[in-house]
Amino acid sequence: MSNEQIQKTNRRKFLLLLALMCAPVVISYALYFFDYRPESKHYGDLLSIVKVTGKGTSITDNTILRMKDLHGKWVLVTVDSGRCDESCKEKLYFMRQVRLVQGKEKHRIERLWLINDDIEPDPELVKEHEGAYIVRDRDSEIINLFETADVRNKHIYLLDPIGNLMMRFPEKIDGKKMGNDIKRLLHVSQIEH
């Protein structure tokens, strides 16, 4: 091989190597400028992060529950009247079931029902959802951190283990999809539990 052929071969190798190293940067800029968005896999709607703080009175044992007491757990939250109509009962049911289907990981999930009025919930309903935190928060210390009153009663919300409101599930709940979202979050969560 002549000296000129070696130089051509080396130049080709160098240009190929340079193209390979620059390709990811060029591709990422192209995807950004052409506004490419891959299909989302999550069922719930991601919300702007809001730190949920405050306290409320637990109706089961009349103690004070501080939101920081729930840190370290994923928390499914519903806001509704103590009267609890059919949609409220459905939300409580899905919260319970989604927690149960997580199997050995269910201890990482808590359920919180924020009651936004002075109506006492049915004792049978409270017994049916034993283990859930049922908190009277009519004075809106916690509730005001959620969306407007006409929206927040329609959804189940999710708080992350450091107390941030981060997701809400659609009004007409698909329990299987909601369970898959929670399972995925539990799997990728790096926060100690």
N, C-alpha and C. Protein backbone atom coordinates (compact mmCIF):
# COMPACT_ATOMS: atom_id res chain seq x y z
N MET A 1 0.83 -1.17 0.00
CA MET A 1 0.00 0.00 0.00
C MET A 1 0.88 1.24 0.00
N SER A 2 0.53 2.14 -0.87
CA SER A 2 1.33 3.36 -0.94
C SER A 2 0.94 4.33 0.18
N ASN A 3 1.80 5.30 0.37
CA ASN A 3 1.59 6.32 1.40
C ASN A 3 0.30 7.10 1.14
N GLU A 4 0.01 7.36 -0.12
CA GLU A 4 -1.19 8.12 -0.48
C GLU A 4 -2.46 7.33 -0.18
N GLN A 5 -2.46 6.03 -0.41
CA GLN A 5 -3.61 5.17 -0.12
C GLN A 5 -3.84 5.08 1.39
N ILE A 6 -2.78 5.00 2.16
CA ILE A 6 -2.90 4.96 3.62
C ILE A 6 -3.53 6.26 4.13
N GLN A 7 -3.12 7.38 3.59
CA GLN A 7 -3.67 8.67 4.00
C GLN A 7 -5.17 8.76 3.65
N LYS A 8 -5.56 8.27 2.46
CA LYS A 8 -6.97 8.27 2.08
C LYS A 8 -7.79 7.39 3.01
N THR A 9 -7.28 6.22 3.35
CA THR A 9 -7.97 5.29 4.25
C THR A 9 -8.12 5.92 5.63
N ASN A 10 -7.04 6.52 6.12
CA ASN A 10 -7.09 7.17 7.44
C ASN A 10 -8.08 8.34 7.44
N ARG A 11 -8.10 9.10 6.35
CA ARG A 11 -9.01 10.23 6.25
C ARG A 11 -10.46 9.74 6.27
N ARG A 12 -10.77 8.66 5.54
CA ARG A 12 -12.12 8.08 5.53
C ARG A 12 -12.50 7.61 6.92
N LYS A 13 -11.60 6.93 7.59
CA LYS A 13 -11.88 6.45 8.96
C LYS A 13 -12.16 7.62 9.90
N PHE A 14 -11.34 8.69 9.75
CA PHE A 14 -11.52 9.87 10.59
C PHE A 14 -12.88 10.52 10.34
N LEU A 15 -13.26 10.68 9.06
CA LEU A 15 -14.54 11.30 8.74
C LEU A 15 -15.72 10.44 9.20
N LEU A 16 -15.60 9.14 9.07
CA LEU A 16 -16.63 8.23 9.54
C LEU A 16 -16.78 8.33 11.06
N LEU A 17 -15.66 8.34 11.75
CA LEU A 17 -15.67 8.46 13.21
C LEU A 17 -16.27 9.80 13.64
N LEU A 18 -15.91 10.87 12.95
CA LEU A 18 -16.45 12.20 13.24
C LEU A 18 -17.97 12.24 13.02
N ALA A 19 -18.42 11.63 11.92
CA ALA A 19 -19.86 11.58 11.63
C ALA A 19 -20.61 10.79 12.70
N LEU A 20 -20.04 9.68 13.15
CA LEU A 20 -20.67 8.88 14.19
C LEU A 20 -20.76 9.63 15.52
N MET A 21 -19.73 10.40 15.83
CA MET A 21 -19.74 11.16 17.09
C MET A 21 -20.71 12.34 17.03
N CYS A 22 -20.89 12.94 15.87
CA CYS A 22 -21.78 14.10 15.74
C CYS A 22 -23.24 13.72 15.51
N ALA A 23 -23.48 12.50 15.08
CA ALA A 23 -24.84 12.06 14.74
C ALA A 23 -25.84 12.26 15.88
N PRO A 24 -25.56 11.85 17.12
CA PRO A 24 -26.56 12.05 18.19
C PRO A 24 -26.93 13.52 18.41
N VAL A 25 -25.94 14.39 18.31
CA VAL A 25 -26.20 15.82 18.51
C VAL A 25 -27.07 16.35 17.37
N VAL A 26 -26.74 15.99 16.14
CA VAL A 26 -27.51 16.44 14.98
C VAL A 26 -28.93 15.90 15.05
N ILE A 27 -29.09 14.64 15.40
CA ILE A 27 -30.43 14.03 15.49
C ILE A 27 -31.25 14.70 16.59
N SER A 28 -30.64 14.96 17.75
CA SER A 28 -31.38 15.58 18.85
C SER A 28 -31.85 16.98 18.47
N TYR A 29 -31.00 17.76 17.79
CA TYR A 29 -31.42 19.09 17.34
C TYR A 29 -32.55 18.99 16.32
N ALA A 30 -32.46 18.03 15.41
CA ALA A 30 -33.50 17.86 14.41
C ALA A 30 -34.84 17.51 15.07
N LEU A 31 -34.82 16.61 16.06
CA LEU A 31 -36.05 16.24 16.76
C LEU A 31 -36.62 17.43 17.51
N TYR A 32 -35.75 18.23 18.09
CA TYR A 32 -36.20 19.41 18.83
C TYR A 32 -36.84 20.44 17.90
N PHE A 33 -36.19 20.76 16.82
CA PHE A 33 -36.69 21.80 15.93
C PHE A 33 -37.91 21.36 15.12
N PHE A 34 -38.06 20.06 14.89
CA PHE A 34 -39.25 19.57 14.20
C PHE A 34 -40.35 19.22 15.19
N ASP A 35 -40.13 19.53 16.48
CA ASP A 35 -41.11 19.37 17.56
C ASP A 35 -41.65 17.93 17.64
N TYR A 36 -40.76 16.97 17.58
CA TYR A 36 -41.15 15.56 17.68
C TYR A 36 -41.48 15.23 19.13
N ARG A 37 -42.65 14.64 19.36
CA ARG A 37 -43.07 14.20 20.69
C ARG A 37 -43.51 12.74 20.59
N PRO A 38 -42.77 11.84 21.24
CA PRO A 38 -43.19 10.44 21.19
C PRO A 38 -44.51 10.23 21.93
N GLU A 39 -45.18 9.17 21.59
CA GLU A 39 -46.46 8.84 22.24
C GLU A 39 -46.23 8.59 23.72
N SER A 40 -47.10 9.15 24.54
CA SER A 40 -46.98 9.02 25.99
C SER A 40 -47.51 7.66 26.45
N LYS A 41 -46.91 7.10 27.48
CA LYS A 41 -47.35 5.81 28.00
C LYS A 41 -48.18 5.95 29.27
N HIS A 42 -48.24 7.15 29.85
CA HIS A 42 -48.97 7.27 31.11
C HIS A 42 -50.44 7.58 30.87
N TYR A 43 -51.25 7.10 31.81
CA TYR A 43 -52.70 7.26 31.72
C TYR A 43 -53.14 8.56 32.40
N GLY A 44 -52.57 8.84 33.55
CA GLY A 44 -52.91 10.05 34.29
C GLY A 44 -52.32 11.28 33.63
N ASP A 45 -52.89 12.43 33.98
CA ASP A 45 -52.39 13.71 33.47
C ASP A 45 -51.34 14.25 34.43
N LEU A 46 -50.15 14.56 33.88
CA LEU A 46 -49.12 15.17 34.71
C LEU A 46 -49.50 16.62 34.98
N LEU A 47 -49.30 17.05 36.22
CA LEU A 47 -49.64 18.41 36.63
C LEU A 47 -48.36 19.17 36.95
N SER A 48 -48.48 20.48 36.99
CA SER A 48 -47.36 21.28 37.49
C SER A 48 -47.17 20.92 38.95
N ILE A 49 -45.92 20.73 39.33
CA ILE A 49 -45.62 20.27 40.69
C ILE A 49 -46.03 21.33 41.71
N VAL A 50 -46.79 20.88 42.72
CA VAL A 50 -47.20 21.75 43.83
C VAL A 50 -46.90 21.00 45.12
N LYS A 51 -46.18 21.63 46.03
CA LYS A 51 -45.88 21.04 47.33
C LYS A 51 -47.14 21.10 48.19
N VAL A 52 -47.63 19.94 48.64
CA VAL A 52 -48.84 19.89 49.45
C VAL A 52 -48.45 19.88 50.92
N THR A 53 -48.87 20.92 51.63
CA THR A 53 -48.58 21.05 53.05
C THR A 53 -49.89 21.30 53.78
N GLY A 54 -49.81 21.30 55.08
CA GLY A 54 -50.99 21.60 55.89
C GLY A 54 -51.36 20.44 56.77
N LYS A 55 -52.51 20.59 57.42
CA LYS A 55 -52.98 19.54 58.33
C LYS A 55 -54.49 19.54 58.34
N GLY A 56 -55.04 18.43 58.78
CA GLY A 56 -56.49 18.29 58.90
C GLY A 56 -56.79 17.32 60.02
N THR A 57 -58.05 17.24 60.41
CA THR A 57 -58.46 16.39 61.52
C THR A 57 -58.99 15.06 60.98
N SER A 58 -58.40 13.97 61.45
CA SER A 58 -58.84 12.64 61.06
C SER A 58 -60.19 12.36 61.73
N ILE A 59 -61.16 11.89 60.96
CA ILE A 59 -62.48 11.64 61.55
C ILE A 59 -62.54 10.30 62.27
N THR A 60 -61.60 9.39 61.98
CA THR A 60 -61.65 8.08 62.61
C THR A 60 -61.20 8.11 64.07
N ASP A 61 -60.15 8.88 64.38
CA ASP A 61 -59.68 8.93 65.77
C ASP A 61 -59.49 10.35 66.30
N ASN A 62 -59.98 11.35 65.54
CA ASN A 62 -59.96 12.76 65.94
C ASN A 62 -58.54 13.28 66.23
N THR A 63 -57.56 12.77 65.50
CA THR A 63 -56.18 13.26 65.64
C THR A 63 -55.86 14.19 64.48
N ILE A 64 -54.76 14.89 64.62
CA ILE A 64 -54.31 15.80 63.56
C ILE A 64 -53.40 15.03 62.60
N LEU A 65 -53.71 15.10 61.32
CA LEU A 65 -52.85 14.51 60.30
C LEU A 65 -52.14 15.64 59.59
N ARG A 66 -50.83 15.62 59.65
CA ARG A 66 -50.01 16.58 58.91
C ARG A 66 -49.56 15.92 57.62
N MET A 67 -49.58 16.67 56.54
CA MET A 67 -49.21 16.09 55.26
C MET A 67 -47.78 15.55 55.29
N LYS A 68 -46.91 16.15 56.09
CA LYS A 68 -45.54 15.65 56.16
C LYS A 68 -45.48 14.26 56.81
N ASP A 69 -46.55 13.85 57.53
CA ASP A 69 -46.60 12.51 58.11
C ASP A 69 -46.69 11.44 57.02
N LEU A 70 -47.12 11.83 55.83
CA LEU A 70 -47.28 10.88 54.73
C LEU A 70 -46.07 10.84 53.81
N HIS A 71 -45.05 11.65 54.10
CA HIS A 71 -43.84 11.64 53.26
C HIS A 71 -43.21 10.25 53.28
N GLY A 72 -42.68 9.86 52.15
CA GLY A 72 -42.09 8.53 52.01
C GLY A 72 -43.06 7.55 51.37
N LYS A 73 -44.30 7.96 51.17
CA LYS A 73 -45.33 7.11 50.55
C LYS A 73 -45.91 7.82 49.34
N TRP A 74 -46.36 7.03 48.38
CA TRP A 74 -47.17 7.56 47.29
C TRP A 74 -48.57 7.67 47.86
N VAL A 75 -49.26 8.78 47.63
CA VAL A 75 -50.57 9.00 48.24
C VAL A 75 -51.61 9.26 47.15
N LEU A 76 -52.64 8.40 47.13
CA LEU A 76 -53.80 8.62 46.26
C LEU A 76 -54.78 9.48 47.04
N VAL A 77 -55.23 10.59 46.44
CA VAL A 77 -56.06 11.55 47.15
C VAL A 77 -57.36 11.78 46.38
N THR A 78 -58.46 11.80 47.12
CA THR A 78 -59.73 12.25 46.56
C THR A 78 -60.29 13.33 47.46
N VAL A 79 -60.94 14.31 46.86
CA VAL A 79 -61.58 15.40 47.59
C VAL A 79 -63.07 15.29 47.32
N ASP A 80 -63.87 15.15 48.39
CA ASP A 80 -65.31 15.00 48.19
C ASP A 80 -66.06 15.31 49.47
N SER A 81 -67.38 15.35 49.33
CA SER A 81 -68.27 15.60 50.46
C SER A 81 -68.34 14.37 51.35
N GLY A 82 -68.69 14.57 52.60
CA GLY A 82 -68.92 13.45 53.51
C GLY A 82 -70.15 12.66 53.10
N ARG A 83 -71.03 13.27 52.31
CA ARG A 83 -72.23 12.58 51.82
C ARG A 83 -71.83 11.42 50.92
N CYS A 84 -70.80 11.59 50.13
CA CYS A 84 -70.21 10.59 49.24
C CYS A 84 -71.24 9.95 48.31
N ASP A 85 -71.47 10.60 47.18
CA ASP A 85 -72.38 10.07 46.18
C ASP A 85 -71.72 8.91 45.43
N GLU A 86 -72.36 8.46 44.37
CA GLU A 86 -71.85 7.29 43.63
C GLU A 86 -70.46 7.52 43.03
N SER A 87 -70.20 8.70 42.49
CA SER A 87 -68.88 8.95 41.90
C SER A 87 -67.80 8.95 42.99
N CYS A 88 -68.13 9.45 44.17
CA CYS A 88 -67.19 9.43 45.30
C CYS A 88 -66.90 7.99 45.70
N LYS A 89 -67.94 7.18 45.81
CA LYS A 89 -67.76 5.76 46.18
C LYS A 89 -66.91 5.03 45.14
N GLU A 90 -67.12 5.38 43.88
CA GLU A 90 -66.33 4.76 42.80
C GLU A 90 -64.86 5.14 42.93
N LYS A 91 -64.58 6.40 43.22
CA LYS A 91 -63.19 6.84 43.39
C LYS A 91 -62.54 6.11 44.56
N LEU A 92 -63.25 6.02 45.69
CA LEU A 92 -62.70 5.31 46.85
C LEU A 92 -62.45 3.84 46.53
N TYR A 93 -63.37 3.23 45.79
CA TYR A 93 -63.22 1.83 45.39
C TYR A 93 -61.96 1.64 44.54
N PHE A 94 -61.78 2.49 43.52
CA PHE A 94 -60.61 2.36 42.65
C PHE A 94 -59.32 2.62 43.42
N MET A 95 -59.34 3.57 44.34
CA MET A 95 -58.14 3.83 45.14
C MET A 95 -57.76 2.58 45.94
N ARG A 96 -58.76 1.94 46.54
CA ARG A 96 -58.50 0.73 47.33
C ARG A 96 -58.00 -0.41 46.44
N GLN A 97 -58.67 -0.62 45.30
CA GLN A 97 -58.32 -1.73 44.43
C GLN A 97 -56.95 -1.56 43.79
N VAL A 98 -56.65 -0.34 43.35
CA VAL A 98 -55.36 -0.08 42.72
C VAL A 98 -54.24 -0.33 43.72
N ARG A 99 -54.47 0.04 44.96
CA ARG A 99 -53.46 -0.22 46.01
C ARG A 99 -53.30 -1.73 46.21
N LEU A 100 -54.41 -2.46 46.27
CA LEU A 100 -54.34 -3.91 46.52
C LEU A 100 -53.63 -4.67 45.40
N VAL A 101 -53.83 -4.26 44.14
CA VAL A 101 -53.23 -5.01 43.03
C VAL A 101 -51.72 -4.81 42.95
N GLN A 102 -51.15 -3.92 43.75
CA GLN A 102 -49.70 -3.72 43.73
C GLN A 102 -48.97 -4.82 44.50
N GLY A 103 -49.73 -5.71 45.13
CA GLY A 103 -49.13 -6.86 45.80
C GLY A 103 -48.19 -6.47 46.92
N LYS A 104 -46.95 -6.96 46.85
CA LYS A 104 -45.99 -6.72 47.93
C LYS A 104 -45.55 -5.25 48.01
N GLU A 105 -45.86 -4.45 46.99
CA GLU A 105 -45.50 -3.03 47.00
C GLU A 105 -46.62 -2.15 47.56
N LYS A 106 -47.75 -2.74 47.95
CA LYS A 106 -48.89 -1.93 48.39
C LYS A 106 -48.59 -1.13 49.65
N HIS A 107 -47.62 -1.53 50.44
CA HIS A 107 -47.27 -0.78 51.65
C HIS A 107 -46.66 0.58 51.32
N ARG A 108 -46.29 0.80 50.07
CA ARG A 108 -45.71 2.08 49.65
C ARG A 108 -46.77 3.10 49.25
N ILE A 109 -48.05 2.70 49.29
CA ILE A 109 -49.15 3.55 48.86
C ILE A 109 -50.10 3.80 50.02
N GLU A 110 -50.51 5.06 50.19
CA GLU A 110 -51.53 5.44 51.17
C GLU A 110 -52.71 6.03 50.42
N ARG A 111 -53.87 6.01 51.07
CA ARG A 111 -55.08 6.60 50.50
C ARG A 111 -55.56 7.71 51.42
N LEU A 112 -55.97 8.82 50.84
CA LEU A 112 -56.40 9.98 51.61
C LEU A 112 -57.69 10.53 51.02
N TRP A 113 -58.73 10.60 51.87
CA TRP A 113 -60.00 11.19 51.47
C TRP A 113 -60.13 12.50 52.23
N LEU A 114 -60.09 13.61 51.50
CA LEU A 114 -60.26 14.93 52.12
C LEU A 114 -61.74 15.30 52.03
N ILE A 115 -62.38 15.45 53.18
CA ILE A 115 -63.80 15.80 53.22
C ILE A 115 -63.90 17.32 53.26
N ASN A 116 -64.61 17.87 52.29
CA ASN A 116 -64.66 19.33 52.13
C ASN A 116 -65.91 19.99 52.70
N ASP A 117 -66.62 19.29 53.61
CA ASP A 117 -67.80 19.87 54.26
C ASP A 117 -67.93 19.32 55.67
N ASP A 118 -69.04 19.63 56.33
CA ASP A 118 -69.25 19.18 57.72
C ASP A 118 -70.07 17.90 57.82
N ILE A 119 -70.39 17.29 56.72
CA ILE A 119 -71.24 16.09 56.72
C ILE A 119 -70.41 14.88 57.15
N GLU A 120 -70.95 14.13 58.09
CA GLU A 120 -70.28 12.92 58.57
C GLU A 120 -70.46 11.81 57.54
N PRO A 121 -69.39 11.12 57.15
CA PRO A 121 -69.55 10.01 56.20
C PRO A 121 -70.23 8.81 56.86
N ASP A 122 -70.86 8.00 56.06
CA ASP A 122 -71.53 6.80 56.52
C ASP A 122 -70.53 5.88 57.21
N PRO A 123 -70.80 5.45 58.45
CA PRO A 123 -69.86 4.57 59.17
C PRO A 123 -69.54 3.28 58.42
N GLU A 124 -70.51 2.76 57.68
CA GLU A 124 -70.28 1.54 56.89
C GLU A 124 -69.25 1.80 55.79
N LEU A 125 -69.34 2.97 55.17
CA LEU A 125 -68.39 3.34 54.13
C LEU A 125 -66.99 3.50 54.71
N VAL A 126 -66.90 4.13 55.86
CA VAL A 126 -65.61 4.30 56.54
C VAL A 126 -65.02 2.93 56.88
N LYS A 127 -65.85 2.03 57.35
CA LYS A 127 -65.39 0.67 57.70
C LYS A 127 -64.93 -0.09 56.45
N GLU A 128 -65.64 0.13 55.35
CA GLU A 128 -65.31 -0.53 54.08
C GLU A 128 -63.93 -0.11 53.57
N HIS A 129 -63.54 1.12 53.88
CA HIS A 129 -62.25 1.65 53.41
C HIS A 129 -61.29 1.83 54.58
N GLU A 130 -61.30 0.86 55.46
CA GLU A 130 -60.41 0.87 56.62
C GLU A 130 -58.96 0.96 56.16
N GLY A 131 -58.18 1.75 56.87
CA GLY A 131 -56.78 1.95 56.51
C GLY A 131 -56.55 3.22 55.72
N ALA A 132 -57.62 3.76 55.14
CA ALA A 132 -57.50 5.03 54.42
C ALA A 132 -57.55 6.16 55.44
N TYR A 133 -56.82 7.22 55.16
CA TYR A 133 -56.90 8.42 55.99
C TYR A 133 -58.11 9.21 55.53
N ILE A 134 -59.04 9.45 56.45
CA ILE A 134 -60.23 10.24 56.14
C ILE A 134 -60.13 11.50 56.98
N VAL A 135 -59.93 12.62 56.30
CA VAL A 135 -59.59 13.87 56.97
C VAL A 135 -60.59 14.96 56.63
N ARG A 136 -61.08 15.62 57.67
CA ARG A 136 -61.96 16.77 57.47
C ARG A 136 -61.08 17.98 57.21
N ASP A 137 -61.30 18.62 56.07
CA ASP A 137 -60.47 19.76 55.70
C ASP A 137 -61.33 20.87 55.11
N ARG A 138 -62.45 21.11 55.75
CA ARG A 138 -63.40 22.12 55.27
C ARG A 138 -62.77 23.51 55.22
N ASP A 139 -61.84 23.79 56.12
CA ASP A 139 -61.22 25.11 56.17
C ASP A 139 -60.17 25.31 55.08
N SER A 140 -59.99 24.33 54.23
CA SER A 140 -59.21 24.44 53.00
C SER A 140 -57.71 24.66 53.18
N GLU A 141 -57.16 24.20 54.26
CA GLU A 141 -55.71 24.34 54.42
C GLU A 141 -54.98 23.49 53.39
N ILE A 142 -55.44 22.28 53.19
CA ILE A 142 -54.82 21.40 52.20
C ILE A 142 -55.53 21.52 50.85
N ILE A 143 -56.85 21.55 50.89
CA ILE A 143 -57.66 21.51 49.67
C ILE A 143 -57.33 22.63 48.70
N ASN A 144 -57.04 23.82 49.20
CA ASN A 144 -56.77 24.94 48.30
C ASN A 144 -55.53 24.74 47.44
N LEU A 145 -54.68 23.77 47.79
CA LEU A 145 -53.51 23.49 46.98
C LEU A 145 -53.87 22.68 45.73
N PHE A 146 -55.07 22.11 45.74
CA PHE A 146 -55.55 21.36 44.58
C PHE A 146 -56.23 22.33 43.62
N GLU A 147 -56.76 21.81 42.54
CA GLU A 147 -57.38 22.65 41.53
C GLU A 147 -58.66 23.30 42.06
N THR A 148 -59.37 24.00 41.21
CA THR A 148 -60.59 24.68 41.62
C THR A 148 -61.65 23.68 42.09
N ALA A 149 -62.60 24.16 42.90
CA ALA A 149 -63.60 23.30 43.53
C ALA A 149 -64.39 22.47 42.53
N ASP A 150 -64.74 23.03 41.38
CA ASP A 150 -65.54 22.29 40.41
C ASP A 150 -64.74 21.19 39.71
N VAL A 151 -63.42 21.28 39.73
CA VAL A 151 -62.57 20.27 39.07
C VAL A 151 -62.08 19.22 40.05
N ARG A 152 -61.65 19.63 41.23
CA ARG A 152 -60.98 18.70 42.15
C ARG A 152 -61.87 17.57 42.64
N ASN A 153 -63.19 17.76 42.67
CA ASN A 153 -64.08 16.68 43.13
C ASN A 153 -64.27 15.58 42.10
N LYS A 154 -63.78 15.80 40.88
CA LYS A 154 -64.01 14.84 39.80
C LYS A 154 -62.86 13.85 39.61
N HIS A 155 -61.73 14.08 40.26
CA HIS A 155 -60.53 13.30 39.95
C HIS A 155 -59.93 12.65 41.18
N ILE A 156 -59.10 11.66 40.91
CA ILE A 156 -58.20 11.10 41.93
C ILE A 156 -56.83 11.69 41.63
N TYR A 157 -56.17 12.16 42.67
CA TYR A 157 -54.86 12.79 42.52
C TYR A 157 -53.78 11.89 43.10
N LEU A 158 -52.55 12.13 42.70
CA LEU A 158 -51.42 11.36 43.20
C LEU A 158 -50.35 12.31 43.72
N LEU A 159 -49.91 12.05 44.95
CA LEU A 159 -48.80 12.79 45.54
C LEU A 159 -47.58 11.88 45.54
N ASP A 160 -46.42 12.44 45.24
CA ASP A 160 -45.20 11.63 45.26
C ASP A 160 -44.68 11.52 46.71
N PRO A 161 -43.67 10.69 46.94
CA PRO A 161 -43.18 10.47 48.31
C PRO A 161 -42.58 11.68 49.01
N ILE A 162 -42.33 12.77 48.30
CA ILE A 162 -41.84 13.96 48.99
C ILE A 162 -42.93 15.01 49.14
N GLY A 163 -44.17 14.61 48.88
CA GLY A 163 -45.32 15.47 49.15
C GLY A 163 -45.72 16.40 48.03
N ASN A 164 -45.30 16.13 46.80
CA ASN A 164 -45.67 16.97 45.67
C ASN A 164 -46.90 16.41 44.95
N LEU A 165 -47.86 17.28 44.68
CA LEU A 165 -48.98 16.92 43.83
C LEU A 165 -48.44 16.85 42.41
N MET A 166 -48.54 15.68 41.76
CA MET A 166 -47.88 15.55 40.46
C MET A 166 -48.74 14.95 39.36
N MET A 167 -49.87 14.34 39.70
CA MET A 167 -50.67 13.68 38.67
C MET A 167 -52.13 13.63 39.10
N ARG A 168 -53.00 13.64 38.10
CA ARG A 168 -54.42 13.38 38.36
C ARG A 168 -54.91 12.39 37.32
N PHE A 169 -55.84 11.57 37.71
CA PHE A 169 -56.39 10.57 36.81
C PHE A 169 -57.71 11.08 36.23
N PRO A 170 -58.06 10.63 35.02
CA PRO A 170 -59.27 11.13 34.36
C PRO A 170 -60.54 10.89 35.18
N GLU A 171 -61.57 11.65 34.83
CA GLU A 171 -62.84 11.58 35.56
C GLU A 171 -63.45 10.18 35.48
N LYS A 172 -63.51 9.63 34.30
CA LYS A 172 -64.01 8.25 34.12
C LYS A 172 -62.81 7.32 34.21
N ILE A 173 -62.65 6.70 35.36
CA ILE A 173 -61.43 5.96 35.68
C ILE A 173 -61.42 4.58 35.03
N ASP A 174 -60.29 4.23 34.45
CA ASP A 174 -60.01 2.88 34.00
C ASP A 174 -59.03 2.31 35.02
N GLY A 175 -59.53 1.46 35.90
CA GLY A 175 -58.73 0.94 37.01
C GLY A 175 -57.46 0.23 36.56
N LYS A 176 -57.54 -0.51 35.45
CA LYS A 176 -56.37 -1.24 34.97
C LYS A 176 -55.26 -0.28 34.54
N LYS A 177 -55.63 0.75 33.78
CA LYS A 177 -54.62 1.73 33.33
C LYS A 177 -54.05 2.52 34.51
N MET A 178 -54.91 2.86 35.46
CA MET A 178 -54.45 3.58 36.65
C MET A 178 -53.47 2.70 37.44
N GLY A 179 -53.81 1.44 37.59
CA GLY A 179 -52.92 0.50 38.29
C GLY A 179 -51.58 0.35 37.59
N ASN A 180 -51.60 0.33 36.25
CA ASN A 180 -50.34 0.23 35.49
C ASN A 180 -49.47 1.47 35.70
N ASP A 181 -50.10 2.65 35.75
CA ASP A 181 -49.33 3.88 36.02
C ASP A 181 -48.65 3.80 37.38
N ILE A 182 -49.41 3.39 38.38
CA ILE A 182 -48.87 3.30 39.75
C ILE A 182 -47.75 2.26 39.79
N LYS A 183 -47.97 1.12 39.14
CA LYS A 183 -46.95 0.07 39.13
C LYS A 183 -45.65 0.57 38.50
N ARG A 184 -45.78 1.31 37.40
CA ARG A 184 -44.60 1.86 36.71
C ARG A 184 -43.88 2.86 37.62
N LEU A 185 -44.64 3.71 38.30
CA LEU A 185 -44.03 4.69 39.21
C LEU A 185 -43.32 4.01 40.38
N LEU A 186 -43.94 2.99 40.94
CA LEU A 186 -43.30 2.26 42.04
C LEU A 186 -42.02 1.58 41.59
N HIS A 187 -42.04 1.10 40.36
CA HIS A 187 -40.87 0.39 39.83
C HIS A 187 -39.68 1.33 39.62
N VAL A 188 -39.94 2.53 39.09
CA VAL A 188 -38.84 3.44 38.77
C VAL A 188 -38.47 4.37 39.91
N SER A 189 -39.29 4.42 40.95
CA SER A 189 -39.04 5.34 42.06
C SER A 189 -37.75 4.96 42.78
N GLN A 190 -36.87 5.95 42.96
CA GLN A 190 -35.60 5.74 43.64
C GLN A 190 -35.64 6.23 45.09
N ILE A 191 -36.80 6.75 45.53
CA ILE A 191 -36.92 7.28 46.86
C ILE A 191 -37.06 6.13 47.85
N GLU A 192 -36.28 6.17 48.92
CA GLU A 192 -36.33 5.13 49.94
C GLU A 192 -37.73 5.00 50.50
N HIS A 193 -38.10 3.79 50.77
CA HIS A 193 -39.43 3.54 51.34
C HIS A 193 -39.31 2.61 52.54
